[in-house]
């Protein structure tokens, strides 16, 4: 009977961003050496983000995609405030958010006045 060895524990690395999510903050995050690790799960806590700039969102989405394309690592975004999630509803960045059920508001909400 062959010996069974459990898989090694997954290396979980956590980062936290706050304030304004812009290109400079994402580039600083990308320069950190932890991204070059072997197989790992990366968690980026966005609970303290107050404003998301389009360039920052695009760069963070690109970073997540590049890391996952290596095939060994996974990226999870956690804690993005609901108000920001709603503004980013169709952005590719939200594909990496850990709670997709929180991405949508009330389906019966009456929209604002129409100009039609």
N, C-alpha and C. Protein backbone atom coordinates (compact mmCIF):
# COMPACT_ATOMS: atom_id res chain seq x y z
N UNK A 1 0.85 -1.17 0.00
CA UNK A 1 0.00 0.00 0.00
C UNK A 1 0.90 1.24 0.00
N UNK A 2 0.68 2.17 -0.95
CA UNK A 2 1.55 3.35 -1.02
C UNK A 2 1.32 4.30 0.15
N UNK A 3 2.38 4.97 0.52
CA UNK A 3 2.26 5.97 1.58
C UNK A 3 1.56 7.21 1.03
N UNK A 4 0.73 7.80 1.85
CA UNK A 4 0.03 9.02 1.46
C UNK A 4 0.65 10.18 2.20
N UNK A 5 1.06 11.18 1.45
CA UNK A 5 1.58 12.40 2.03
C UNK A 5 0.64 13.53 1.68
N UNK A 6 0.12 14.23 2.67
CA UNK A 6 -0.81 15.33 2.36
C UNK A 6 -0.07 16.43 1.61
N UNK A 7 -0.81 17.19 0.81
CA UNK A 7 -0.17 18.29 0.08
C UNK A 7 0.37 19.33 1.06
N UNK A 8 1.41 20.04 0.67
CA UNK A 8 1.93 21.07 1.57
C UNK A 8 0.88 22.16 1.76
N UNK A 9 0.89 22.79 2.92
CA UNK A 9 -0.10 23.86 3.15
C UNK A 9 0.08 24.97 2.13
N UNK A 10 -1.03 25.52 1.69
CA UNK A 10 -0.99 26.62 0.73
C UNK A 10 -0.44 27.86 1.40
N UNK A 11 0.49 28.47 0.76
CA UNK A 11 1.10 29.70 1.25
C UNK A 11 0.12 30.84 1.00
N UNK A 12 -0.37 31.47 2.06
CA UNK A 12 -1.31 32.58 1.92
C UNK A 12 -0.58 33.86 2.27
N UNK A 13 -0.59 34.79 1.34
CA UNK A 13 0.06 36.08 1.56
C UNK A 13 -0.99 37.17 1.46
N UNK A 14 -1.00 38.04 2.46
CA UNK A 14 -2.02 39.08 2.52
C UNK A 14 -1.40 40.46 2.38
N UNK A 15 -2.12 41.31 1.68
CA UNK A 15 -1.74 42.71 1.48
C UNK A 15 -2.95 43.56 1.82
N UNK A 16 -2.73 44.80 2.14
CA UNK A 16 -3.82 45.71 2.45
C UNK A 16 -3.57 47.04 1.76
N UNK A 17 -4.60 47.57 1.13
CA UNK A 17 -4.52 48.87 0.47
C UNK A 17 -5.52 49.80 1.14
N UNK A 18 -5.22 51.08 1.13
CA UNK A 18 -6.15 52.04 1.75
C UNK A 18 -6.13 53.36 1.00
N UNK A 19 -7.15 54.16 1.26
CA UNK A 19 -7.23 55.49 0.66
C UNK A 19 -7.67 55.43 -0.78
N UNK A 20 -6.82 55.95 -1.66
CA UNK A 20 -7.12 56.05 -3.09
C UNK A 20 -6.43 54.92 -3.83
N UNK A 21 -7.21 54.10 -4.51
CA UNK A 21 -6.65 53.05 -5.36
C UNK A 21 -6.32 53.68 -6.70
N UNK A 22 -5.05 53.99 -6.88
CA UNK A 22 -4.61 54.62 -8.12
C UNK A 22 -3.44 53.85 -8.70
N UNK A 23 -2.95 54.30 -9.83
CA UNK A 23 -1.87 53.61 -10.50
C UNK A 23 -0.61 53.51 -9.66
N UNK A 24 -0.27 54.56 -8.93
CA UNK A 24 0.93 54.56 -8.09
C UNK A 24 0.86 53.52 -6.99
N UNK A 25 -0.31 53.38 -6.37
CA UNK A 25 -0.46 52.40 -5.30
C UNK A 25 -0.36 50.96 -5.83
N UNK A 26 -0.94 50.74 -7.00
CA UNK A 26 -0.87 49.39 -7.59
C UNK A 26 0.55 49.07 -8.03
N UNK A 27 1.25 50.04 -8.61
CA UNK A 27 2.63 49.81 -9.03
C UNK A 27 3.53 49.52 -7.83
N UNK A 28 3.30 50.22 -6.72
CA UNK A 28 4.07 49.94 -5.50
C UNK A 28 3.78 48.53 -5.00
N UNK A 29 2.52 48.12 -5.05
CA UNK A 29 2.14 46.76 -4.65
C UNK A 29 2.81 45.73 -5.57
N UNK A 30 2.84 46.02 -6.85
CA UNK A 30 3.41 45.08 -7.82
C UNK A 30 4.92 44.92 -7.63
N UNK A 31 5.59 45.92 -7.13
CA UNK A 31 7.04 45.84 -6.93
C UNK A 31 7.43 45.02 -5.71
N UNK A 32 6.49 44.67 -4.89
CA UNK A 32 6.81 43.88 -3.69
C UNK A 32 7.31 42.50 -4.09
N UNK A 33 8.34 42.00 -3.43
CA UNK A 33 8.93 40.72 -3.83
C UNK A 33 8.05 39.49 -3.57
N UNK A 34 7.04 39.61 -2.74
CA UNK A 34 6.20 38.46 -2.40
C UNK A 34 5.49 37.87 -3.62
N UNK A 35 5.28 38.67 -4.67
CA UNK A 35 4.57 38.18 -5.86
C UNK A 35 5.38 37.14 -6.62
N UNK A 36 6.68 37.13 -6.42
CA UNK A 36 7.53 36.21 -7.16
C UNK A 36 7.65 34.85 -6.47
N UNK A 37 6.86 34.63 -5.46
CA UNK A 37 6.91 33.37 -4.70
C UNK A 37 6.39 32.22 -5.55
N UNK A 38 6.58 31.04 -5.03
CA UNK A 38 6.03 29.85 -5.68
C UNK A 38 4.52 29.84 -5.52
N UNK A 39 3.92 28.67 -5.54
CA UNK A 39 2.46 28.57 -5.43
C UNK A 39 1.97 29.26 -4.15
N UNK A 40 1.00 30.11 -4.32
CA UNK A 40 0.47 30.84 -3.16
C UNK A 40 -0.92 31.35 -3.47
N UNK A 41 -1.61 31.70 -2.41
CA UNK A 41 -2.87 32.43 -2.55
C UNK A 41 -2.60 33.83 -2.04
N UNK A 42 -2.90 34.80 -2.86
CA UNK A 42 -2.70 36.20 -2.48
C UNK A 42 -4.06 36.81 -2.17
N UNK A 43 -4.14 37.45 -1.02
CA UNK A 43 -5.37 38.15 -0.63
C UNK A 43 -5.05 39.63 -0.50
N UNK A 44 -5.83 40.42 -1.19
CA UNK A 44 -5.64 41.87 -1.14
C UNK A 44 -6.87 42.45 -0.46
N UNK A 45 -6.67 43.01 0.73
CA UNK A 45 -7.76 43.59 1.50
C UNK A 45 -7.97 45.03 1.03
N UNK A 46 -9.17 45.29 0.53
CA UNK A 46 -9.52 46.61 0.02
C UNK A 46 -10.54 47.33 0.90
N UNK A 47 -10.72 46.86 2.12
CA UNK A 47 -11.77 47.42 2.99
C UNK A 47 -11.53 48.89 3.35
N UNK A 48 -10.29 49.34 3.24
CA UNK A 48 -10.00 50.73 3.60
C UNK A 48 -9.87 51.63 2.37
N UNK A 49 -10.25 51.11 1.20
CA UNK A 49 -10.24 51.93 -0.02
C UNK A 49 -11.45 52.85 0.00
N UNK A 50 -11.21 54.12 -0.28
CA UNK A 50 -12.29 55.10 -0.29
C UNK A 50 -12.65 55.56 -1.69
N UNK A 51 -11.66 55.57 -2.60
CA UNK A 51 -11.87 56.03 -3.97
C UNK A 51 -11.09 55.11 -4.90
N UNK A 52 -11.72 54.75 -6.01
CA UNK A 52 -11.04 53.93 -7.01
C UNK A 52 -10.93 54.74 -8.29
N UNK A 53 -9.69 54.96 -8.73
CA UNK A 53 -9.47 55.63 -10.00
C UNK A 53 -9.48 54.59 -11.10
N UNK A 54 -9.96 54.93 -12.29
CA UNK A 54 -10.02 53.96 -13.38
C UNK A 54 -8.67 53.31 -13.71
N UNK A 55 -7.60 54.08 -13.69
CA UNK A 55 -6.29 53.51 -14.00
C UNK A 55 -5.88 52.52 -12.92
N UNK A 56 -6.12 52.85 -11.67
CA UNK A 56 -5.78 51.93 -10.58
C UNK A 56 -6.57 50.63 -10.67
N UNK A 57 -7.86 50.72 -10.98
CA UNK A 57 -8.69 49.52 -11.12
C UNK A 57 -8.19 48.65 -12.27
N UNK A 58 -7.86 49.29 -13.40
CA UNK A 58 -7.37 48.54 -14.56
C UNK A 58 -6.03 47.87 -14.27
N UNK A 59 -5.13 48.59 -13.61
CA UNK A 59 -3.82 48.00 -13.29
C UNK A 59 -3.93 46.87 -12.28
N UNK A 60 -4.82 47.00 -11.30
CA UNK A 60 -4.99 45.93 -10.33
C UNK A 60 -5.61 44.70 -10.99
N UNK A 61 -6.58 44.90 -11.88
CA UNK A 61 -7.17 43.78 -12.61
C UNK A 61 -6.10 43.08 -13.46
N UNK A 62 -5.25 43.86 -14.10
CA UNK A 62 -4.17 43.30 -14.92
C UNK A 62 -3.19 42.50 -14.06
N UNK A 63 -2.82 43.04 -12.90
CA UNK A 63 -1.92 42.34 -11.99
C UNK A 63 -2.52 41.00 -11.57
N UNK A 64 -3.80 40.99 -11.21
CA UNK A 64 -4.46 39.75 -10.80
C UNK A 64 -4.43 38.74 -11.95
N UNK A 65 -4.72 39.18 -13.15
CA UNK A 65 -4.72 38.28 -14.30
C UNK A 65 -3.33 37.72 -14.57
N UNK A 66 -2.32 38.55 -14.50
CA UNK A 66 -0.95 38.10 -14.76
C UNK A 66 -0.52 37.04 -13.74
N UNK A 67 -0.85 37.26 -12.49
CA UNK A 67 -0.48 36.31 -11.44
C UNK A 67 -1.19 34.97 -11.66
N UNK A 68 -2.46 35.02 -11.98
CA UNK A 68 -3.21 33.77 -12.17
C UNK A 68 -2.81 33.06 -13.45
N UNK A 69 -2.36 33.78 -14.46
CA UNK A 69 -1.92 33.14 -15.70
C UNK A 69 -0.68 32.28 -15.51
N UNK A 70 0.09 32.58 -14.46
CA UNK A 70 1.25 31.73 -14.18
C UNK A 70 0.82 30.32 -13.86
N UNK A 71 -0.44 30.17 -13.45
CA UNK A 71 -1.00 28.85 -13.21
C UNK A 71 -0.77 28.28 -11.83
N UNK A 72 -0.02 28.94 -10.99
CA UNK A 72 0.27 28.40 -9.67
C UNK A 72 -0.37 29.18 -8.54
N UNK A 73 -0.76 30.40 -8.81
CA UNK A 73 -1.25 31.27 -7.75
C UNK A 73 -2.67 31.74 -8.04
N UNK A 74 -3.33 32.13 -6.97
CA UNK A 74 -4.69 32.66 -7.05
C UNK A 74 -4.72 33.98 -6.30
N UNK A 75 -5.52 34.92 -6.81
CA UNK A 75 -5.64 36.22 -6.16
C UNK A 75 -7.09 36.43 -5.75
N UNK A 76 -7.29 36.83 -4.50
CA UNK A 76 -8.63 37.16 -4.00
C UNK A 76 -8.61 38.58 -3.49
N UNK A 77 -9.57 39.35 -3.94
CA UNK A 77 -9.77 40.69 -3.40
C UNK A 77 -10.85 40.58 -2.35
N UNK A 78 -10.60 41.12 -1.19
CA UNK A 78 -11.57 41.01 -0.10
C UNK A 78 -11.90 42.39 0.44
N UNK A 79 -13.10 42.53 0.93
CA UNK A 79 -13.49 43.71 1.67
C UNK A 79 -13.77 44.97 0.89
N UNK A 80 -13.92 44.90 -0.42
CA UNK A 80 -14.20 46.12 -1.18
C UNK A 80 -15.55 46.67 -0.74
N UNK A 81 -15.60 47.94 -0.34
CA UNK A 81 -16.88 48.51 0.11
C UNK A 81 -17.98 48.36 -0.94
N UNK A 82 -19.18 48.08 -0.48
CA UNK A 82 -20.32 47.81 -1.37
C UNK A 82 -20.56 48.98 -2.32
N UNK A 83 -20.44 50.20 -1.85
CA UNK A 83 -20.69 51.35 -2.71
C UNK A 83 -19.72 51.36 -3.91
N UNK A 84 -18.49 50.98 -3.67
CA UNK A 84 -17.51 50.93 -4.76
C UNK A 84 -17.78 49.73 -5.65
N UNK A 85 -18.20 48.62 -5.09
CA UNK A 85 -18.55 47.44 -5.89
C UNK A 85 -19.63 47.79 -6.89
N UNK A 86 -20.62 48.54 -6.45
CA UNK A 86 -21.73 48.89 -7.34
C UNK A 86 -21.25 49.76 -8.50
N UNK A 87 -20.31 50.66 -8.23
CA UNK A 87 -19.78 51.51 -9.30
C UNK A 87 -18.91 50.72 -10.28
N UNK A 88 -18.33 49.64 -9.81
CA UNK A 88 -17.44 48.83 -10.65
C UNK A 88 -18.14 47.58 -11.18
N UNK A 89 -19.44 47.56 -11.16
CA UNK A 89 -20.23 46.35 -11.45
C UNK A 89 -19.72 45.55 -12.65
N UNK A 90 -19.37 46.18 -13.74
CA UNK A 90 -18.96 45.44 -14.94
C UNK A 90 -17.45 45.44 -15.15
N UNK A 91 -16.71 45.91 -14.20
CA UNK A 91 -15.25 46.00 -14.35
C UNK A 91 -14.61 44.62 -14.16
N UNK A 92 -13.59 44.29 -14.97
CA UNK A 92 -12.94 42.98 -14.81
C UNK A 92 -12.28 42.77 -13.45
N UNK A 93 -12.04 43.83 -12.72
CA UNK A 93 -11.45 43.72 -11.39
C UNK A 93 -12.34 42.88 -10.47
N UNK A 94 -13.64 42.98 -10.62
CA UNK A 94 -14.56 42.28 -9.71
C UNK A 94 -14.59 40.79 -9.94
N UNK A 95 -14.01 40.31 -11.02
CA UNK A 95 -13.93 38.86 -11.24
C UNK A 95 -13.09 38.21 -10.14
N UNK A 96 -12.22 38.97 -9.51
CA UNK A 96 -11.34 38.44 -8.47
C UNK A 96 -11.88 38.67 -7.06
N UNK A 97 -13.00 39.39 -6.95
CA UNK A 97 -13.54 39.68 -5.62
C UNK A 97 -14.12 38.41 -5.03
N UNK A 98 -13.92 38.22 -3.73
CA UNK A 98 -14.28 36.96 -3.09
C UNK A 98 -15.77 36.78 -2.82
N UNK A 99 -16.57 37.83 -2.91
CA UNK A 99 -17.98 37.71 -2.55
C UNK A 99 -18.86 38.24 -3.69
N UNK A 100 -18.95 37.51 -4.82
CA UNK A 100 -19.71 38.02 -5.95
C UNK A 100 -21.19 38.19 -5.65
N UNK A 101 -21.71 37.49 -4.64
CA UNK A 101 -23.13 37.67 -4.32
C UNK A 101 -23.42 39.05 -3.76
N UNK A 102 -22.38 39.77 -3.34
CA UNK A 102 -22.56 41.11 -2.81
C UNK A 102 -22.37 42.19 -3.86
N UNK A 103 -22.19 41.80 -5.10
CA UNK A 103 -21.90 42.78 -6.15
C UNK A 103 -23.14 43.48 -6.67
N UNK A 104 -24.29 42.95 -6.41
CA UNK A 104 -25.49 43.51 -7.01
C UNK A 104 -26.45 44.00 -5.93
N UNK A 105 -27.09 45.10 -6.22
CA UNK A 105 -28.05 45.66 -5.29
C UNK A 105 -29.39 44.96 -5.41
N UNK A 106 -30.39 45.56 -4.86
CA UNK A 106 -31.74 45.05 -4.88
C UNK A 106 -32.26 45.02 -6.32
N UNK A 107 -32.64 43.85 -6.85
CA UNK A 107 -33.11 43.79 -8.24
C UNK A 107 -34.44 44.50 -8.45
N UNK A 108 -35.16 44.79 -7.37
CA UNK A 108 -36.44 45.47 -7.48
C UNK A 108 -36.32 46.97 -7.22
N UNK A 109 -35.09 47.45 -7.07
CA UNK A 109 -34.88 48.87 -6.82
C UNK A 109 -35.38 49.68 -8.03
N UNK A 110 -36.12 50.74 -7.75
CA UNK A 110 -36.64 51.58 -8.82
C UNK A 110 -35.52 52.52 -9.26
N UNK A 111 -35.15 52.49 -10.56
CA UNK A 111 -34.08 53.37 -11.02
C UNK A 111 -34.54 54.83 -11.02
N UNK A 112 -33.57 55.71 -11.17
CA UNK A 112 -33.88 57.14 -11.22
C UNK A 112 -34.73 57.48 -12.43
N UNK A 113 -35.13 58.72 -12.53
CA UNK A 113 -35.99 59.17 -13.62
C UNK A 113 -35.30 58.95 -14.96
N UNK A 114 -36.08 58.55 -15.95
CA UNK A 114 -35.56 58.30 -17.28
C UNK A 114 -35.71 59.56 -18.14
N UNK A 115 -34.78 59.77 -19.04
CA UNK A 115 -34.86 60.92 -19.95
C UNK A 115 -35.52 60.55 -21.27
N UNK A 116 -36.12 59.38 -21.34
CA UNK A 116 -36.76 58.96 -22.59
C UNK A 116 -38.09 59.59 -22.76
